[in-house]
Structure formats: C-alpha cells, structure tokens
Amino acid sequence: MTTGKTKVALSVLVIVVGTALIQGCSSDRANRLAYEMMQSRQQLECQRIPGQECPERQSYNSYQQQKGE
C-alpha cells in the first residue's frame, strides 16, 4: 500500500526529473537528482520506524564508483 508521503515523494521526483530534462540538463544531472531524491525518501522512511538504525547516506559519486567496480 502506498502512503500519502510516498505518493508526494514520487510526485516530487517526477517533477524534478521532468523539469531537469526539459531545461536541457545532462542525463548525469537528472540521474544525480533522482538518486538524491531516492536517498532522501529512504532516509525519511527509515526514520519513521522507532529504534531503527538508519544507514548513512551515500553520495552519488560514491554510488557510481561502487557500481563501476
């Protein structure tokens, strides 16, 4: 089931990525924006659970380096 906050986060993600693409941003910039939005959403979801230990946010550059290995 999708919560109201999740719907809002997904809507914001679509708007941000769509705006970036319309403005002619590079695909790297759009990917970076999408990655940051997903990281933020995951952090918020984790923080909602009392006592949950949330992992540190990984930067987009670190993610790309790890993905390339």
PDB file of N, CA and C in Angstrom:
ATOM      1  N   MET A   1       0.849  -1.191   0.000  1.00  0.00           N
ATOM      2  CA  MET A   1       0.000   0.000   0.000  1.00  0.00           C
ATOM      3  C   MET A   1       0.886   1.243   0.000  1.00  0.00           C
ATOM      4  N   THR A   2       0.580   2.190  -0.806  1.00  0.00           N
ATOM      5  CA  THR A   2       1.352   3.416  -0.917  1.00  0.00           C
ATOM      6  C   THR A   2       0.807   4.454   0.047  1.00  0.00           C
ATOM      7  N   THR A   3       1.699   5.025   0.869  1.00  0.00           N
ATOM      8  CA  THR A   3       1.276   6.045   1.812  1.00  0.00           C
ATOM      9  C   THR A   3       1.211   7.393   1.123  1.00  0.00           C
ATOM     10  N   GLY A   4       0.561   8.333   1.778  1.00  0.00           N
ATOM     11  CA  GLY A   4       0.447   9.669   1.223  1.00  0.00           C
ATOM     12  C   GLY A   4       1.801  10.325   1.034  1.00  0.00           C
ATOM     13  N   LYS A   5       2.719  10.113   2.001  1.00  0.00           N
ATOM     14  CA  LYS A   5       4.055  10.703   1.906  1.00  0.00           C
ATOM     15  C   LYS A   5       4.819  10.105   0.737  1.00  0.00           C
ATOM     16  N   THR A   6       4.651   8.820   0.512  1.00  0.00           N
ATOM     17  CA  THR A   6       5.336   8.169  -0.601  1.00  0.00           C
ATOM     18  C   THR A   6       4.832   8.720  -1.927  1.00  0.00           C
ATOM     19  N   LYS A   7       3.521   8.924  -2.028  1.00  0.00           N
ATOM     20  CA  LYS A   7       2.953   9.487  -3.256  1.00  0.00           C
ATOM     21  C   LYS A   7       3.502  10.882  -3.508  1.00  0.00           C
ATOM     22  N   VAL A   8       3.608  11.676  -2.445  1.00  0.00           N
ATOM     23  CA  VAL A   8       4.139  13.034  -2.582  1.00  0.00           C
ATOM     24  C   VAL A   8       5.598  12.983  -3.010  1.00  0.00           C
ATOM     25  N   ALA A   9       6.386  12.105  -2.384  1.00  0.00           N
ATOM     26  CA  ALA A   9       7.803  11.985  -2.725  1.00  0.00           C
ATOM     27  C   ALA A   9       7.983  11.563  -4.179  1.00  0.00           C
ATOM     28  N   LEU A  10       7.175  10.619  -4.622  1.00  0.00           N
ATOM     29  CA  LEU A  10       7.266  10.167  -6.008  1.00  0.00           C
ATOM     30  C   LEU A  10       6.836  11.269  -6.970  1.00  0.00           C
ATOM     31  N   SER A  11       5.834  12.023  -6.602  1.00  0.00           N
ATOM     32  CA  SER A  11       5.385  13.132  -7.440  1.00  0.00           C
ATOM     33  C   SER A  11       6.473  14.194  -7.563  1.00  0.00           C
ATOM     34  N   VAL A  12       7.118  14.506  -6.448  1.00  0.00           N
ATOM     35  CA  VAL A  12       8.194  15.486  -6.455  1.00  0.00           C
ATOM     36  C   VAL A  12       9.340  14.977  -7.324  1.00  0.00           C
ATOM     37  N   LEU A  13       9.657  13.692  -7.205  1.00  0.00           N
ATOM     38  CA  LEU A  13      10.718  13.102  -8.006  1.00  0.00           C
ATOM     39  C   LEU A  13      10.424  13.254  -9.495  1.00  0.00           C
ATOM     40  N   VAL A  14       9.203  12.951  -9.885  1.00  0.00           N
ATOM     41  CA  VAL A  14       8.815  13.062 -11.295  1.00  0.00           C
ATOM     42  C   VAL A  14       8.919  14.510 -11.755  1.00  0.00           C
ATOM     43  N   ILE A  15       8.487  15.442 -10.945  1.00  0.00           N
ATOM     44  CA  ILE A  15       8.534  16.857 -11.310  1.00  0.00           C
ATOM     45  C   ILE A  15       9.981  17.329 -11.444  1.00  0.00           C
ATOM     46  N   VAL A  16      10.828  16.953 -10.484  1.00  0.00           N
ATOM     47  CA  VAL A  16      12.225  17.394 -10.514  1.00  0.00           C
ATOM     48  C   VAL A  16      12.941  16.835 -11.740  1.00  0.00           C
ATOM     49  N   VAL A  17      12.789  15.547 -11.970  1.00  0.00           N
ATOM     50  CA  VAL A  17      13.456  14.927 -13.112  1.00  0.00           C
ATOM     51  C   VAL A  17      12.896  15.486 -14.421  1.00  0.00           C
ATOM     52  N   GLY A  18      11.587  15.627 -14.502  1.00  0.00           N
ATOM     53  CA  GLY A  18      10.980  16.181 -15.708  1.00  0.00           C
ATOM     54  C   GLY A  18      11.444  17.594 -15.988  1.00  0.00           C
ATOM     55  N   THR A  19      11.517  18.406 -14.951  1.00  0.00           N
ATOM     56  CA  THR A  19      11.986  19.782 -15.108  1.00  0.00           C
ATOM     57  C   THR A  19      13.436  19.818 -15.557  1.00  0.00           C
ATOM     58  N   ALA A  20      14.258  18.957 -14.964  1.00  0.00           N
ATOM     59  CA  ALA A  20      15.669  18.910 -15.341  1.00  0.00           C
ATOM     60  C   ALA A  20      15.827  18.528 -16.805  1.00  0.00           C
ATOM     61  N   LEU A  21      15.053  17.573 -17.248  1.00  0.00           N
ATOM     62  CA  LEU A  21      15.150  17.140 -18.637  1.00  0.00           C
ATOM     63  C   LEU A  21      14.652  18.211 -19.600  1.00  0.00           C
ATOM     64  N   ILE A  22      13.578  18.882 -19.232  1.00  0.00           N
ATOM     65  CA  ILE A  22      13.025  19.941 -20.083  1.00  0.00           C
ATOM     66  C   ILE A  22      14.005  21.101 -20.195  1.00  0.00           C
ATOM     67  N   GLN A  23      14.709  21.402 -19.110  1.00  0.00           N
ATOM     68  CA  GLN A  23      15.656  22.515 -19.112  1.00  0.00           C
ATOM     69  C   GLN A  23      16.958  22.165 -19.827  1.00  0.00           C
ATOM     70  N   GLY A  24      17.072  20.945 -20.273  1.00  0.00           N
ATOM     71  CA  GLY A  24      18.250  20.560 -21.033  1.00  0.00           C
ATOM     72  C   GLY A  24      19.416  20.111 -20.183  1.00  0.00           C
ATOM     73  N   CYS A  25      19.174  19.736 -18.942  1.00  0.00           N
ATOM     74  CA  CYS A  25      20.251  19.239 -18.107  1.00  0.00           C
ATOM     75  C   CYS A  25      20.758  17.915 -18.674  1.00  0.00           C
ATOM     76  N   SER A  26      21.999  17.631 -18.390  1.00  0.00           N
ATOM     77  CA  SER A  26      22.572  16.375 -18.861  1.00  0.00           C
ATOM     78  C   SER A  26      21.894  15.207 -18.157  1.00  0.00           C
ATOM     79  N   SER A  27      22.019  14.041 -18.747  1.00  0.00           N
ATOM     80  CA  SER A  27      21.420  12.864 -18.121  1.00  0.00           C
ATOM     81  C   SER A  27      22.091  12.575 -16.784  1.00  0.00           C
ATOM     82  N   ASP A  28      23.385  12.921 -16.645  1.00  0.00           N
ATOM     83  CA  ASP A  28      24.063  12.733 -15.362  1.00  0.00           C
ATOM     84  C   ASP A  28      23.412  13.593 -14.291  1.00  0.00           C
ATOM     85  N   ARG A  29      23.091  14.804 -14.647  1.00  0.00           N
ATOM     86  CA  ARG A  29      22.439  15.718 -13.685  1.00  0.00           C
ATOM     87  C   ARG A  29      21.064  15.172 -13.285  1.00  0.00           C
ATOM     88  N   ALA A  30      20.309  14.685 -14.236  1.00  0.00           N
ATOM     89  CA  ALA A  30      18.992  14.112 -13.943  1.00  0.00           C
ATOM     90  C   ALA A  30      19.135  12.866 -13.073  1.00  0.00           C
ATOM     91  N   ASN A  31      20.114  12.022 -13.389  1.00  0.00           N
ATOM     92  CA  ASN A  31      20.352  10.827 -12.571  1.00  0.00           C
ATOM     93  C   ASN A  31      20.752  11.206 -11.157  1.00  0.00           C
ATOM     94  N   ARG A  32      21.583  12.225 -11.025  1.00  0.00           N
ATOM     95  CA  ARG A  32      22.017  12.694  -9.704  1.00  0.00           C
ATOM     96  C   ARG A  32      20.827  13.194  -8.890  1.00  0.00           C
ATOM     97  N   LEU A  33      19.956  13.971  -9.528  1.00  0.00           N
ATOM     98  CA  LEU A  33      18.764  14.480  -8.836  1.00  0.00           C
ATOM     99  C   LEU A  33      17.849  13.334  -8.398  1.00  0.00           C
ATOM    100  N   ALA A  34      17.643  12.384  -9.282  1.00  0.00           N
ATOM    101  CA  ALA A  34      16.794  11.240  -8.941  1.00  0.00           C
ATOM    102  C   ALA A  34      17.396  10.431  -7.800  1.00  0.00           C
ATOM    103  N   TYR A  35      18.702  10.227  -7.839  1.00  0.00           N
ATOM    104  CA  TYR A  35      19.382   9.473  -6.785  1.00  0.00           C
ATOM    105  C   TYR A  35      19.238  10.180  -5.436  1.00  0.00           C
ATOM    106  N   GLU A  36      19.457  11.491  -5.416  1.00  0.00           N
ATOM    107  CA  GLU A  36      19.340  12.246  -4.171  1.00  0.00           C
ATOM    108  C   GLU A  36      17.916  12.204  -3.615  1.00  0.00           C
ATOM    109  N   MET A  37      16.927  12.273  -4.501  1.00  0.00           N
ATOM    110  CA  MET A  37      15.533  12.195  -4.055  1.00  0.00           C
ATOM    111  C   MET A  37      15.235  10.826  -3.442  1.00  0.00           C
ATOM    112  N   MET A  38      15.727   9.769  -4.064  1.00  0.00           N
ATOM    113  CA  MET A  38      15.500   8.425  -3.542  1.00  0.00           C
ATOM    114  C   MET A  38      16.210   8.237  -2.205  1.00  0.00           C
ATOM    115  N   GLN A  39      17.408   8.778  -2.072  1.00  0.00           N
ATOM    116  CA  GLN A  39      18.134   8.701  -0.808  1.00  0.00           C
ATOM    117  C   GLN A  39      17.346   9.421   0.302  1.00  0.00           C
ATOM    118  N   SER A  40      16.801  10.573  -0.027  1.00  0.00           N
ATOM    119  CA  SER A  40      16.011  11.337   0.946  1.00  0.00           C
ATOM    120  C   SER A  40      14.762  10.566   1.362  1.00  0.00           C
ATOM    121  N   ARG A  41      14.096   9.970   0.391  1.00  0.00           N
ATOM    122  CA  ARG A  41      12.884   9.204   0.698  1.00  0.00           C
ATOM    123  C   ARG A  41      13.210   8.013   1.583  1.00  0.00           C
ATOM    124  N   GLN A  42      14.275   7.302   1.261  1.00  0.00           N
ATOM    125  CA  GLN A  42      14.663   6.145   2.063  1.00  0.00           C
ATOM    126  C   GLN A  42      15.025   6.560   3.481  1.00  0.00           C
ATOM    127  N   GLN A  43      15.691   7.702   3.634  1.00  0.00           N
ATOM    128  CA  GLN A  43      16.065   8.196   4.958  1.00  0.00           C
ATOM    129  C   GLN A  43      14.814   8.530   5.767  1.00  0.00           C
ATOM    130  N   LEU A  44      13.849   9.177   5.138  1.00  0.00           N
ATOM    131  CA  LEU A  44      12.604   9.518   5.827  1.00  0.00           C
ATOM    132  C   LEU A  44      11.836   8.263   6.243  1.00  0.00           C
ATOM    133  N   GLU A  45      11.769   7.285   5.356  1.00  0.00           N
ATOM    134  CA  GLU A  45      11.077   6.030   5.662  1.00  0.00           C
ATOM    135  C   GLU A  45      11.742   5.329   6.847  1.00  0.00           C
ATOM    136  N   CYS A  46      13.072   5.320   6.861  1.00  0.00           N
ATOM    137  CA  CYS A  46      13.811   4.661   7.928  1.00  0.00           C
ATOM    138  C   CYS A  46      13.577   5.365   9.268  1.00  0.00           C
ATOM    139  N   GLN A  47      13.566   6.686   9.256  1.00  0.00           N
ATOM    140  CA  GLN A  47      13.408   7.461  10.475  1.00  0.00           C
ATOM    141  C   GLN A  47      12.015   7.323  11.085  1.00  0.00           C
ATOM    142  N   ARG A  48      11.061   6.890  10.303  1.00  0.00           N
ATOM    143  CA  ARG A  48       9.694   6.700  10.817  1.00  0.00           C
ATOM    144  C   ARG A  48       9.602   5.509  11.757  1.00  0.00           C
ATOM    145  N   ILE A  49      10.528   4.565  11.655  1.00  0.00           N
ATOM    146  CA  ILE A  49      10.483   3.349  12.461  1.00  0.00           C
ATOM    147  C   ILE A  49      11.260   3.599  13.752  1.00  0.00           C
ATOM    148  N   PRO A  50      10.568   3.608  14.901  1.00  0.00           N
ATOM    149  CA  PRO A  50      11.255   3.855  16.172  1.00  0.00           C
ATOM    150  C   PRO A  50      12.334   2.800  16.442  1.00  0.00           C
ATOM    151  N   GLY A  51      13.497   3.263  16.874  1.00  0.00           N
ATOM    152  CA  GLY A  51      14.585   2.370  17.216  1.00  0.00           C
ATOM    153  C   GLY A  51      15.348   1.830  16.023  1.00  0.00           C
ATOM    154  N   GLN A  52      14.938   2.189  14.817  1.00  0.00           N
ATOM    155  CA  GLN A  52      15.595   1.708  13.605  1.00  0.00           C
ATOM    156  C   GLN A  52      16.924   2.435  13.425  1.00  0.00           C
ATOM    157  N   GLU A  53      17.991   1.687  13.192  1.00  0.00           N
ATOM    158  CA  GLU A  53      19.280   2.303  12.908  1.00  0.00           C
ATOM    159  C   GLU A  53      19.375   2.524  11.400  1.00  0.00           C
ATOM    160  N   CYS A  54      19.411   3.772  11.012  1.00  0.00           N
ATOM    161  CA  CYS A  54      19.414   4.109   9.586  1.00  0.00           C
ATOM    162  C   CYS A  54      20.842   4.201   9.070  1.00  0.00           C
ATOM    163  N   PRO A  55      21.084   3.649   7.877  1.00  0.00           N
ATOM    164  CA  PRO A  55      22.431   3.734   7.312  1.00  0.00           C
ATOM    165  C   PRO A  55      22.752   5.167   6.893  1.00  0.00           C
ATOM    166  N   GLU A  56      24.049   5.470   6.830  1.00  0.00           N
ATOM    167  CA  GLU A  56      24.467   6.787   6.350  1.00  0.00           C
ATOM    168  C   GLU A  56      24.115   6.926   4.879  1.00  0.00           C
ATOM    169  N   ARG A  57      23.814   8.134   4.488  1.00  0.00           N
ATOM    170  CA  ARG A  57      23.514   8.377   3.077  1.00  0.00           C
ATOM    171  C   ARG A  57      24.795   8.288   2.275  1.00  0.00           C
ATOM    172  N   GLN A  58      24.715   7.649   1.138  1.00  0.00           N
ATOM    173  CA  GLN A  58      25.858   7.505   0.252  1.00  0.00           C
ATOM    174  C   GLN A  58      25.765   8.569  -0.837  1.00  0.00           C
ATOM    175  N   SER A  59      26.861   9.237  -1.110  1.00  0.00           N
ATOM    176  CA  SER A  59      26.842  10.257  -2.152  1.00  0.00           C
ATOM    177  C   SER A  59      26.686   9.602  -3.519  1.00  0.00           C
ATOM    178  N   TYR A  60      26.227  10.373  -4.459  1.00  0.00           N
ATOM    179  CA  TYR A  60      26.055   9.865  -5.822  1.00  0.00           C
ATOM    180  C   TYR A  60      27.392   9.435  -6.412  1.00  0.00           C
ATOM    181  N   ASN A  61      28.442  10.213  -6.145  1.00  0.00           N
ATOM    182  CA  ASN A  61      29.757   9.861  -6.669  1.00  0.00           C
ATOM    183  C   ASN A  61      30.241   8.528  -6.093  1.00  0.00           C
ATOM    184  N   SER A  62      30.045   8.316  -4.794  1.00  0.00           N
ATOM    185  CA  SER A  62      30.430   7.039  -4.169  1.00  0.00           C
ATOM    186  C   SER A  62      29.625   5.894  -4.762  1.00  0.00           C
ATOM    187  N   TYR A  63      28.346   6.133  -4.981  1.00  0.00           N
ATOM    188  CA  TYR A  63      27.483   5.124  -5.583  1.00  0.00           C
ATOM    189  C   TYR A  63      27.982   4.742  -6.974  1.00  0.00           C
ATOM    190  N   GLN A  64      28.339   5.733  -7.781  1.00  0.00           N
ATOM    191  CA  GLN A  64      28.822   5.485  -9.126  1.00  0.00           C
ATOM    192  C   GLN A  64      30.139   4.699  -9.103  1.00  0.00           C
ATOM    193  N   GLN A  65      31.033   5.071  -8.170  1.00  0.00           N
ATOM    194  CA  GLN A  65      32.304   4.359  -8.050  1.00  0.00           C
ATOM    195  C   GLN A  65      32.081   2.907  -7.648  1.00  0.00           C
ATOM    196  N   GLN A  66      31.201   2.691  -6.676  1.00  0.00           N
ATOM    197  CA  GLN A  66      30.902   1.340  -6.205  1.00  0.00           C
ATOM    198  C   GLN A  66      30.250   0.526  -7.322  1.00  0.00           C
ATOM    199  N   LYS A  67      29.371   1.138  -8.058  1.00  0.00           N
ATOM    200  CA  LYS A  67      28.674   0.476  -9.144  1.00  0.00           C
ATOM    201  C   LYS A  67      29.635   0.071 -10.259  1.00  0.00           C
ATOM    202  N   GLY A  68      30.678   0.880 -10.468  1.00  0.00           N
ATOM    203  CA  GLY A  68      31.641   0.607 -11.525  1.00  0.00           C
ATOM    204  C   GLY A  68      32.637  -0.478 -11.192  1.00  0.00           C
ATOM    205  N   GLU A  69      32.756  -0.829  -9.925  1.00  0.00           N
ATOM    206  CA  GLU A  69      33.731  -1.854  -9.518  1.00  0.00           C
ATOM    207  C   GLU A  69      33.282  -3.251  -9.853  1.00  0.00           C
TER     208      GLU A  69
END
